[in-house]
Amino acid sequence: MGLTRDEVEKVSLLARLQFTPAELERLTEQLGQIVDYVQLLAELDTTHVEPMAHPVDIANVFRPDEVRPSLPRDEVLANAPHHDQECYLVPAVLGD
């Protein structure tokens, strides 16, 4: 199927990108090859393939959470321009 030059121009307009005619020709060809390859992959029978989030097994490399003492609240709030005795005070973002 591929892509037409008009389709690439429309997408570039939506993305607010400007290309020269030569760049449009090159992008049309390159993006068309990508679409053709994806269509080729879509022809594969994947009925017995289990869906996965990652192509390789991954392991959590983070350390476990441990409860530890933190900074004293008054010391932390001392750096805030506006605060009450418990929290930072910030301006409302979504109205009153």
PDB file of N, CA and C in Angstrom:
ATOM      1  N   MET A   1       0.831  -1.193   0.000  1.00  0.00           N
ATOM      2  CA  MET A   1       0.000   0.000   0.000  1.00  0.00           C
ATOM      3  C   MET A   1       0.866   1.242   0.000  1.00  0.00           C
ATOM      4  N   GLY A   2       1.775   1.400   0.959  1.00  0.00           N
ATOM      5  CA  GLY A   2       2.650   2.566   0.985  1.00  0.00           C
ATOM      6  C   GLY A   2       1.908   3.836   1.343  1.00  0.00           C
ATOM      7  N   LEU A   3       2.561   4.922   1.133  1.00  0.00           N
ATOM      8  CA  LEU A   3       1.987   6.241   1.395  1.00  0.00           C
ATOM      9  C   LEU A   3       2.116   7.095   0.152  1.00  0.00           C
ATOM     10  N   THR A   4       1.178   8.012  -0.008  1.00  0.00           N
ATOM     11  CA  THR A   4       1.270   8.952  -1.120  1.00  0.00           C
ATOM     12  C   THR A   4       1.918  10.243  -0.631  1.00  0.00           C
ATOM     13  N   ARG A   5       2.392  11.009  -1.567  1.00  0.00           N
ATOM     14  CA  ARG A   5       3.012  12.292  -1.224  1.00  0.00           C
ATOM     15  C   ARG A   5       1.990  13.209  -0.536  1.00  0.00           C
ATOM     16  N   ASP A   6       0.731  13.158  -1.000  1.00  0.00           N
ATOM     17  CA  ASP A   6      -0.312  13.988  -0.384  1.00  0.00           C
ATOM     18  C   ASP A   6      -0.515  13.630   1.086  1.00  0.00           C
ATOM     19  N   GLU A   7      -0.447  12.335   1.411  1.00  0.00           N
ATOM     20  CA  GLU A   7      -0.606  11.912   2.803  1.00  0.00           C
ATOM     21  C   GLU A   7       0.556  12.414   3.667  1.00  0.00           C
ATOM     22  N   VAL A   8       1.760  12.350   3.129  1.00  0.00           N
ATOM     23  CA  VAL A   8       2.929  12.833   3.867  1.00  0.00           C
ATOM     24  C   VAL A   8       2.842  14.347   4.043  1.00  0.00           C
ATOM     25  N   GLU A   9       2.392  15.054   3.015  1.00  0.00           N
ATOM     26  CA  GLU A   9       2.215  16.503   3.128  1.00  0.00           C
ATOM     27  C   GLU A   9       1.174  16.845   4.185  1.00  0.00           C
ATOM     28  N   LYS A  10       0.074  16.079   4.233  1.00  0.00           N
ATOM     29  CA  LYS A  10      -0.971  16.341   5.212  1.00  0.00           C
ATOM     30  C   LYS A  10      -0.446  16.128   6.634  1.00  0.00           C
ATOM     31  N   VAL A  11       0.296  15.042   6.850  1.00  0.00           N
ATOM     32  CA  VAL A  11       0.856  14.772   8.178  1.00  0.00           C
ATOM     33  C   VAL A  11       1.868  15.848   8.557  1.00  0.00           C
ATOM     34  N   SER A  12       2.681  16.273   7.613  1.00  0.00           N
ATOM     35  CA  SER A  12       3.663  17.320   7.917  1.00  0.00           C
ATOM     36  C   SER A  12       2.955  18.636   8.245  1.00  0.00           C
ATOM     37  N   LEU A  13       1.835  18.908   7.600  1.00  0.00           N
ATOM     38  CA  LEU A  13       1.053  20.111   7.908  1.00  0.00           C
ATOM     39  C   LEU A  13       0.480  20.026   9.322  1.00  0.00           C
ATOM     40  N   LEU A  14      -0.064  18.863   9.667  1.00  0.00           N
ATOM     41  CA  LEU A  14      -0.619  18.673  11.010  1.00  0.00           C
ATOM     42  C   LEU A  14       0.457  18.791  12.083  1.00  0.00           C
ATOM     43  N   ALA A  15       1.680  18.340  11.754  1.00  0.00           N
ATOM     44  CA  ALA A  15       2.794  18.408  12.708  1.00  0.00           C
ATOM     45  C   ALA A  15       3.509  19.755  12.643  1.00  0.00           C
ATOM     46  N   ARG A  16       3.033  20.620  11.763  1.00  0.00           N
ATOM     47  CA  ARG A  16       3.631  21.949  11.566  1.00  0.00           C
ATOM     48  C   ARG A  16       5.114  21.861  11.188  1.00  0.00           C
ATOM     49  N   LEU A  17       5.380  20.938  10.260  1.00  0.00           N
ATOM     50  CA  LEU A  17       6.732  20.772   9.743  1.00  0.00           C
ATOM     51  C   LEU A  17       6.757  21.228   8.294  1.00  0.00           C
ATOM     52  N   GLN A  18       7.840  21.867   7.910  1.00  0.00           N
ATOM     53  CA  GLN A  18       7.983  22.303   6.528  1.00  0.00           C
ATOM     54  C   GLN A  18       9.139  21.529   5.894  1.00  0.00           C
ATOM     55  N   PHE A  19       8.864  20.973   4.711  1.00  0.00           N
ATOM     56  CA  PHE A  19       9.872  20.215   3.991  1.00  0.00           C
ATOM     57  C   PHE A  19       9.999  20.760   2.575  1.00  0.00           C
ATOM     58  N   THR A  20      11.184  20.626   2.040  1.00  0.00           N
ATOM     59  CA  THR A  20      11.397  20.976   0.640  1.00  0.00           C
ATOM     60  C   THR A  20      10.791  19.861  -0.205  1.00  0.00           C
ATOM     61  N   PRO A  21      10.562  20.110  -1.500  1.00  0.00           N
ATOM     62  CA  PRO A  21      10.032  19.034  -2.359  1.00  0.00           C
ATOM     63  C   PRO A  21      10.926  17.788  -2.358  1.00  0.00           C
ATOM     64  N   ALA A  22      12.232  17.979  -2.323  1.00  0.00           N
ATOM     65  CA  ALA A  22      13.141  16.826  -2.296  1.00  0.00           C
ATOM     66  C   ALA A  22      12.997  16.041  -0.993  1.00  0.00           C
ATOM     67  N   GLU A  23      12.847  16.772   0.117  1.00  0.00           N
ATOM     68  CA  GLU A  23      12.675  16.098   1.405  1.00  0.00           C
ATOM     69  C   GLU A  23      11.348  15.338   1.433  1.00  0.00           C
ATOM     70  N   LEU A  24      10.306  15.934   0.855  1.00  0.00           N
ATOM     71  CA  LEU A  24       9.010  15.255   0.806  1.00  0.00           C
ATOM     72  C   LEU A  24       9.100  13.961   0.010  1.00  0.00           C
ATOM     73  N   GLU A  25       9.805  13.988  -1.103  1.00  0.00           N
ATOM     74  CA  GLU A  25       9.965  12.772  -1.908  1.00  0.00           C
ATOM     75  C   GLU A  25      10.690  11.697  -1.114  1.00  0.00           C
ATOM     76  N   ARG A  26      11.769  12.083  -0.438  1.00  0.00           N
ATOM     77  CA  ARG A  26      12.560  11.125   0.340  1.00  0.00           C
ATOM     78  C   ARG A  26      11.729  10.567   1.508  1.00  0.00           C
ATOM     79  N   LEU A  27      11.008  11.446   2.214  1.00  0.00           N
ATOM     80  CA  LEU A  27      10.183  10.997   3.328  1.00  0.00           C
ATOM     81  C   LEU A  27       9.044  10.091   2.861  1.00  0.00           C
ATOM     82  N   THR A  28       8.446  10.414   1.724  1.00  0.00           N
ATOM     83  CA  THR A  28       7.371   9.586   1.185  1.00  0.00           C
ATOM     84  C   THR A  28       7.885   8.179   0.922  1.00  0.00           C
ATOM     85  N   GLU A  29       9.055   8.073   0.339  1.00  0.00           N
ATOM     86  CA  GLU A  29       9.643   6.758   0.054  1.00  0.00           C
ATOM     87  C   GLU A  29       9.981   6.021   1.350  1.00  0.00           C
ATOM     88  N   GLN A  30      10.645   6.706   2.285  1.00  0.00           N
ATOM     89  CA  GLN A  30      11.076   6.060   3.527  1.00  0.00           C
ATOM     90  C   GLN A  30       9.884   5.643   4.390  1.00  0.00           C
ATOM     91  N   LEU A  31       8.907   6.536   4.549  1.00  0.00           N
ATOM     92  CA  LEU A  31       7.736   6.194   5.350  1.00  0.00           C
ATOM     93  C   LEU A  31       6.909   5.099   4.678  1.00  0.00           C
ATOM     94  N   GLY A  32       6.876   5.115   3.364  1.00  0.00           N
ATOM     95  CA  GLY A  32       6.183   4.056   2.625  1.00  0.00           C
ATOM     96  C   GLY A  32       6.818   2.696   2.880  1.00  0.00           C
ATOM     97  N   GLN A  33       8.142   2.652   2.931  1.00  0.00           N
ATOM     98  CA  GLN A  33       8.830   1.392   3.231  1.00  0.00           C
ATOM     99  C   GLN A  33       8.507   0.914   4.635  1.00  0.00           C
ATOM    100  N   ILE A  34       8.415   1.832   5.577  1.00  0.00           N
ATOM    101  CA  ILE A  34       8.076   1.459   6.955  1.00  0.00           C
ATOM    102  C   ILE A  34       6.665   0.888   7.011  1.00  0.00           C
ATOM    103  N   VAL A  35       5.711   1.538   6.360  1.00  0.00           N
ATOM    104  CA  VAL A  35       4.326   1.063   6.348  1.00  0.00           C
ATOM    105  C   VAL A  35       4.249  -0.304   5.677  1.00  0.00           C
ATOM    106  N   ASP A  36       4.954  -0.495   4.587  1.00  0.00           N
ATOM    107  CA  ASP A  36       4.964  -1.787   3.910  1.00  0.00           C
ATOM    108  C   ASP A  36       5.514  -2.878   4.814  1.00  0.00           C
ATOM    109  N   TYR A  37       6.559  -2.566   5.573  1.00  0.00           N
ATOM    110  CA  TYR A  37       7.150  -3.557   6.482  1.00  0.00           C
ATOM    111  C   TYR A  37       6.186  -3.911   7.604  1.00  0.00           C
ATOM    112  N   VAL A  38       5.494  -2.922   8.147  1.00  0.00           N
ATOM    113  CA  VAL A  38       4.518  -3.188   9.200  1.00  0.00           C
ATOM    114  C   VAL A  38       3.392  -4.056   8.653  1.00  0.00           C
ATOM    115  N   GLN A  39       2.964  -3.806   7.424  1.00  0.00           N
ATOM    116  CA  GLN A  39       1.935  -4.639   6.810  1.00  0.00           C
ATOM    117  C   GLN A  39       2.430  -6.067   6.608  1.00  0.00           C
ATOM    118  N   LEU A  40       3.696  -6.217   6.278  1.00  0.00           N
ATOM    119  CA  LEU A  40       4.294  -7.544   6.137  1.00  0.00           C
ATOM    120  C   LEU A  40       4.278  -8.271   7.476  1.00  0.00           C
ATOM    121  N   LEU A  41       4.599  -7.562   8.546  1.00  0.00           N
ATOM    122  CA  LEU A  41       4.567  -8.163   9.882  1.00  0.00           C
ATOM    123  C   LEU A  41       3.150  -8.542  10.289  1.00  0.00           C
ATOM    124  N   ALA A  42       2.168  -7.770   9.857  1.00  0.00           N
ATOM    125  CA  ALA A  42       0.771  -8.041  10.209  1.00  0.00           C
ATOM    126  C   ALA A  42       0.277  -9.343   9.595  1.00  0.00           C
ATOM    127  N   GLU A  43       0.949  -9.848   8.574  1.00  0.00           N
ATOM    128  CA  GLU A  43       0.551 -11.100   7.930  1.00  0.00           C
ATOM    129  C   GLU A  43       0.970 -12.323   8.744  1.00  0.00           C
ATOM    130  N   LEU A  44       1.867 -12.149   9.712  1.00  0.00           N
ATOM    131  CA  LEU A  44       2.340 -13.277  10.503  1.00  0.00           C
ATOM    132  C   LEU A  44       1.235 -13.826  11.394  1.00  0.00           C
ATOM    133  N   ASP A  45       1.231 -15.157  11.577  1.00  0.00           N
ATOM    134  CA  ASP A  45       0.278 -15.798  12.465  1.00  0.00           C
ATOM    135  C   ASP A  45       0.804 -15.701  13.894  1.00  0.00           C
ATOM    136  N   THR A  46       0.151 -14.924  14.715  1.00  0.00           N
ATOM    137  CA  THR A  46       0.591 -14.740  16.098  1.00  0.00           C
ATOM    138  C   THR A  46      -0.442 -15.272  17.086  1.00  0.00           C
ATOM    139  N   THR A  47      -1.276 -16.206  16.663  1.00  0.00           N
ATOM    140  CA  THR A  47      -2.331 -16.710  17.537  1.00  0.00           C
ATOM    141  C   THR A  47      -1.775 -17.441  18.753  1.00  0.00           C
ATOM    142  N   HIS A  48      -0.617 -18.060  18.637  1.00  0.00           N
ATOM    143  CA  HIS A  48      -0.049 -18.811  19.763  1.00  0.00           C
ATOM    144  C   HIS A  48       1.111 -18.066  20.418  1.00  0.00           C
ATOM    145  N   VAL A  49       1.247 -16.804  20.158  1.00  0.00           N
ATOM    146  CA  VAL A  49       2.310 -16.000  20.754  1.00  0.00           C
ATOM    147  C   VAL A  49       1.713 -15.210  21.910  1.00  0.00           C
ATOM    148  N   GLU A  50       2.298 -15.393  23.083  1.00  0.00           N
ATOM    149  CA  GLU A  50       1.792 -14.691  24.265  1.00  0.00           C
ATOM    150  C   GLU A  50       2.198 -13.214  24.207  1.00  0.00           C
ATOM    151  N   PRO A  51       1.253 -12.292  24.443  1.00  0.00           N
ATOM    152  CA  PRO A  51       1.604 -10.870  24.440  1.00  0.00           C
ATOM    153  C   PRO A  51       2.628 -10.565  25.533  1.00  0.00           C
ATOM    154  N   MET A  52       3.503  -9.618  25.255  1.00  0.00           N
ATOM    155  CA  MET A  52       4.511  -9.250  26.246  1.00  0.00           C
ATOM    156  C   MET A  52       4.736  -7.745  26.216  1.00  0.00           C
ATOM    157  N   ALA A  53       5.225  -7.236  27.333  1.00  0.00           N
ATOM    158  CA  ALA A  53       5.486  -5.806  27.444  1.00  0.00           C
ATOM    159  C   ALA A  53       6.885  -5.467  26.938  1.00  0.00           C
ATOM    160  N   HIS A  54       7.801  -6.427  27.031  1.00  0.00           N
ATOM    161  CA  HIS A  54       9.183  -6.207  26.601  1.00  0.00           C
ATOM    162  C   HIS A  54       9.655  -7.410  25.790  1.00  0.00           C
ATOM    163  N   PRO A  55      10.505  -7.184  24.801  1.00  0.00           N
ATOM    164  CA  PRO A  55      10.965  -8.309  23.981  1.00  0.00           C
ATOM    165  C   PRO A  55      11.920  -9.247  24.721  1.00  0.00           C
ATOM    166  N   VAL A  56      12.517  -8.794  25.810  1.00  0.00           N
ATOM    167  CA  VAL A  56      13.420  -9.641  26.595  1.00  0.00           C
ATOM    168  C   VAL A  56      12.986  -9.586  28.052  1.00  0.00           C
ATOM    169  N   ASP A  57      13.334 -10.628  28.810  1.00  0.00           N
ATOM    170  CA  ASP A  57      13.013 -10.615  30.238  1.00  0.00           C
ATOM    171  C   ASP A  57      13.802  -9.522  30.929  1.00  0.00           C
ATOM    172  N   ILE A  58      13.140  -8.810  31.815  1.00  0.00           N
ATOM    173  CA  ILE A  58      13.818  -7.765  32.570  1.00  0.00           C
ATOM    174  C   ILE A  58      13.652  -8.039  34.053  1.00  0.00           C
ATOM    175  N   ALA A  59      14.568  -7.523  34.817  1.00  0.00           N
ATOM    176  CA  ALA A  59      14.514  -7.693  36.263  1.00  0.00           C
ATOM    177  C   ALA A  59      14.550  -6.323  36.913  1.00  0.00           C
ATOM    178  N   ASN A  60      13.892  -6.203  38.033  1.00  0.00           N
ATOM    179  CA  ASN A  60      13.890  -4.950  38.764  1.00  0.00           C
ATOM    180  C   ASN A  60      15.280  -4.718  39.358  1.00  0.00           C
ATOM    181  N   VAL A  61      15.876  -3.601  39.029  1.00  0.00           N
ATOM    182  CA  VAL A  61      17.221  -3.305  39.529  1.00  0.00           C
ATOM    183  C   VAL A  61      17.191  -2.307  40.679  1.00  0.00           C
ATOM    184  N   PHE A  62      15.998  -1.970  41.145  1.00  0.00           N
ATOM    185  CA  PHE A  62      15.884  -1.017  42.235  1.00  0.00           C
ATOM    186  C   PHE A  62      16.020  -1.725  43.580  1.00  0.00           C
ATOM    187  N   ARG A  63      16.522  -1.010  44.526  1.00  0.00           N
ATOM    188  CA  ARG A  63      16.645  -1.577  45.865  1.00  0.00           C
ATOM    189  C   ARG A  63      15.272  -1.618  46.515  1.00  0.00           C
ATOM    190  N   PRO A  64      15.074  -2.482  47.480  1.00  0.00           N
ATOM    191  CA  PRO A  64      13.770  -2.516  48.153  1.00  0.00           C
ATOM    192  C   PRO A  64      13.552  -1.255  48.985  1.00  0.00           C
ATOM    193  N   ASP A  65      12.289  -0.887  49.146  1.00  0.00           N
ATOM    194  CA  ASP A  65      11.955   0.276  49.972  1.00  0.00           C
ATOM    195  C   ASP A  65      12.248  -0.035  51.437  1.00  0.00           C
ATOM    196  N   GLU A  66      12.867   0.911  52.079  1.00  0.00           N
ATOM    197  CA  GLU A  66      13.156   0.766  53.503  1.00  0.00           C
ATOM    198  C   GLU A  66      12.733   2.049  54.208  1.00  0.00           C
ATOM    199  N   VAL A  67      12.075   1.895  55.339  1.00  0.00           N
ATOM    200  CA  VAL A  67      11.682   3.058  56.125  1.00  0.00           C
ATOM    201  C   VAL A  67      12.929   3.576  56.825  1.00  0.00           C
ATOM    202  N   ARG A  68      13.222   4.855  56.606  1.00  0.00           N
ATOM    203  CA  ARG A  68      14.377   5.477  57.237  1.00  0.00           C
ATOM    204  C   ARG A  68      13.974   6.843  57.761  1.00  0.00           C
ATOM    205  N   PRO A  69      14.704   7.364  58.695  1.00  0.00           N
ATOM    206  CA  PRO A  69      14.377   8.710  59.186  1.00  0.00           C
ATOM    207  C   PRO A  69      14.556   9.743  58.070  1.00  0.00           C
ATOM    208  N   SER A  70      13.673  10.727  58.058  1.00  0.00           N
ATOM    209  CA  SER A  70      13.778  11.782  57.061  1.00  0.00           C
ATOM    210  C   SER A  70      14.140  13.089  57.754  1.00  0.00           C
ATOM    211  N   LEU A  71      14.205  14.151  56.953  1.00  0.00           N
ATOM    212  CA  LEU A  71      14.540  15.454  57.520  1.00  0.00           C
ATOM    213  C   LEU A  71      13.419  15.937  58.432  1.00  0.00           C
ATOM    214  N   PRO A  72      13.747  16.705  59.435  1.00  0.00           N
ATOM    215  CA  PRO A  72      12.694  17.278  60.276  1.00  0.00           C
ATOM    216  C   PRO A  72      11.813  18.225  59.457  1.00  0.00           C
ATOM    217  N   ARG A  73      10.511  18.210  59.710  1.00  0.00           N
ATOM    218  CA  ARG A  73       9.547  18.991  58.937  1.00  0.00           C
ATOM    219  C   ARG A  73       9.875  20.485  58.967  1.00  0.00           C
ATOM    220  N   ASP A  74      10.199  21.042  60.127  1.00  0.00           N
ATOM    221  CA  ASP A  74      10.466  22.476  60.197  1.00  0.00           C
ATOM    222  C   ASP A  74      11.721  22.851  59.420  1.00  0.00           C
ATOM    223  N   GLU A  75      12.680  21.944  59.327  1.00  0.00           N
ATOM    224  CA  GLU A  75      13.892  22.208  58.543  1.00  0.00           C
ATOM    225  C   GLU A  75      13.575  22.231  57.048  1.00  0.00           C
ATOM    226  N   VAL A  76      12.710  21.348  56.610  1.00  0.00           N
ATOM    227  CA  VAL A  76      12.314  21.303  55.198  1.00  0.00           C
ATOM    228  C   VAL A  76      11.461  22.519  54.854  1.00  0.00           C
ATOM    229  N   LEU A  77      10.497  22.849  55.700  1.00  0.00           N
ATOM    230  CA  LEU A  77       9.602  23.973  55.428  1.00  0.00           C
ATOM    231  C   LEU A  77      10.326  25.315  55.509  1.00  0.00           C
ATOM    232  N   ALA A  78      11.496  25.362  56.129  1.00  0.00           N
ATOM    233  CA  ALA A  78      12.250  26.608  56.230  1.00  0.00           C
ATOM    234  C   ALA A  78      12.662  27.130  54.847  1.00  0.00           C
ATOM    235  N   ASN A  79      12.762  26.243  53.847  1.00  0.00           N
ATOM    236  CA  ASN A  79      13.146  26.646  52.495  1.00  0.00           C
ATOM    237  C   ASN A  79      11.960  27.082  51.641  1.00  0.00           C
ATOM    238  N   ALA A  80      10.747  26.879  52.112  1.00  0.00           N
ATOM    239  CA  ALA A  80       9.560  27.212  51.329  1.00  0.00           C
ATOM    240  C   ALA A  80       9.214  28.680  51.505  1.00  0.00           C
ATOM    241  N   PRO A  81       8.882  29.382  50.415  1.00  0.00           N
ATOM    242  CA  PRO A  81       8.502  30.785  50.543  1.00  0.00           C
ATOM    243  C   PRO A  81       7.188  30.958  51.309  1.00  0.00           C
ATOM    244  N   HIS A  82       6.252  29.998  51.143  1.00  0.00           N
ATOM    245  CA  HIS A  82       4.967  30.066  51.832  1.00  0.00           C
ATOM    246  C   HIS A  82       4.634  28.673  52.366  1.00  0.00           C
ATOM    247  N   HIS A  83       4.279  28.606  53.641  1.00  0.00           N
ATOM    248  CA  HIS A  83       3.918  27.318  54.222  1.00  0.00           C
ATOM    249  C   HIS A  83       3.115  27.544  55.490  1.00  0.00           C
ATOM    250  N   ASP A  84       2.380  26.504  55.878  1.00  0.00           N
ATOM    251  CA  ASP A  84       1.784  26.522  57.204  1.00  0.00           C
ATOM    252  C   ASP A  84       2.680  25.620  58.056  1.00  0.00           C
ATOM    253  N   GLN A  85       2.210  25.087  59.103  1.00  0.00           N
ATOM    254  CA  GLN A  85       3.086  24.278  59.957  1.00  0.00           C
ATOM    255  C   GLN A  85       3.237  22.843  59.450  1.00  0.00           C
ATOM    256  N   GLU A  86       2.485  22.487  58.386  1.00  0.00           N
ATOM    257  CA  GLU A  86       2.542  21.109  57.901  1.00  0.00           C
ATOM    258  C   GLU A  86       2.919  20.968  56.441  1.00  0.00           C
ATOM    259  N   CYS A  87       2.541  21.935  55.592  1.00  0.00           N
ATOM    260  CA  CYS A  87       2.676  21.755  54.148  1.00  0.00           C
ATOM    261  C   CYS A  87       3.189  23.014  53.467  1.00  0.00           C
ATOM    262  N   TYR A  88       3.671  22.826  52.218  1.00  0.00           N
ATOM    263  CA  TYR A  88       3.961  23.951  51.343  1.00  0.00           C
ATOM    264  C   TYR A  88       2.636  24.567  50.922  1.00  0.00           C
ATOM    265  N   LEU A  89       2.576  25.862  50.776  1.00  0.00           N
ATOM    266  CA  LEU A  89       1.390  26.535  50.254  1.00  0.00           C
ATOM    267  C   LEU A  89       1.714  27.051  48.864  1.00  0.00           C
ATOM    268  N   VAL A  90       0.896  26.664  47.896  1.00  0.00           N
ATOM    269  CA  VAL A  90       1.105  27.066  46.505  1.00  0.00           C
ATOM    270  C   VAL A  90      -0.179  27.688  45.985  1.00  0.00           C
ATOM    271  N   PRO A  91      -0.086  28.536  44.954  1.00  0.00           N
ATOM    272  CA  PRO A  91      -1.301  29.150  44.399  1.00  0.00           C
ATOM    273  C   PRO A  91      -2.201  28.094  43.761  1.00  0.00           C
ATOM    274  N   ALA A  92      -3.505  28.354  43.801  1.00  0.00           N
ATOM    275  CA  ALA A  92      -4.471  27.456  43.157  1.00  0.00           C
ATOM    276  C   ALA A  92      -4.239  27.476  41.650  1.00  0.00           C
ATOM    277  N   VAL A  93      -4.315  26.314  41.031  1.00  0.00           N
ATOM    278  CA  VAL A  93      -4.082  26.216  39.594  1.00  0.00           C
ATOM    279  C   VAL A  93      -5.397  26.135  38.833  1.00  0.00           C
ATOM    280  N   LEU A  94      -6.365  25.460  39.389  1.00  0.00           N
ATOM    281  CA  LEU A  94      -7.625  25.224  38.685  1.00  0.00           C
ATOM    282  C   LEU A  94      -8.757  26.094  39.191  1.00  0.00           C
ATOM    283  N   GLY A  95      -8.476  27.256  39.643  1.00  0.00           N
ATOM    284  CA  GLY A  95      -9.537  28.163  40.096  1.00  0.00           C
ATOM    285  C   GLY A  95      -9.674  28.155  41.596  1.00  0.00           C
ATOM    286  N   ASP A  96     -10.782  28.707  42.051  1.00  0.00           N
ATOM    287  CA  ASP A  96     -11.014  28.880  43.487  1.00  0.00           C
ATOM    288  C   ASP A  96     -11.580  27.674  44.150  1.00  0.00           C
TER     289      ASP A  96
END
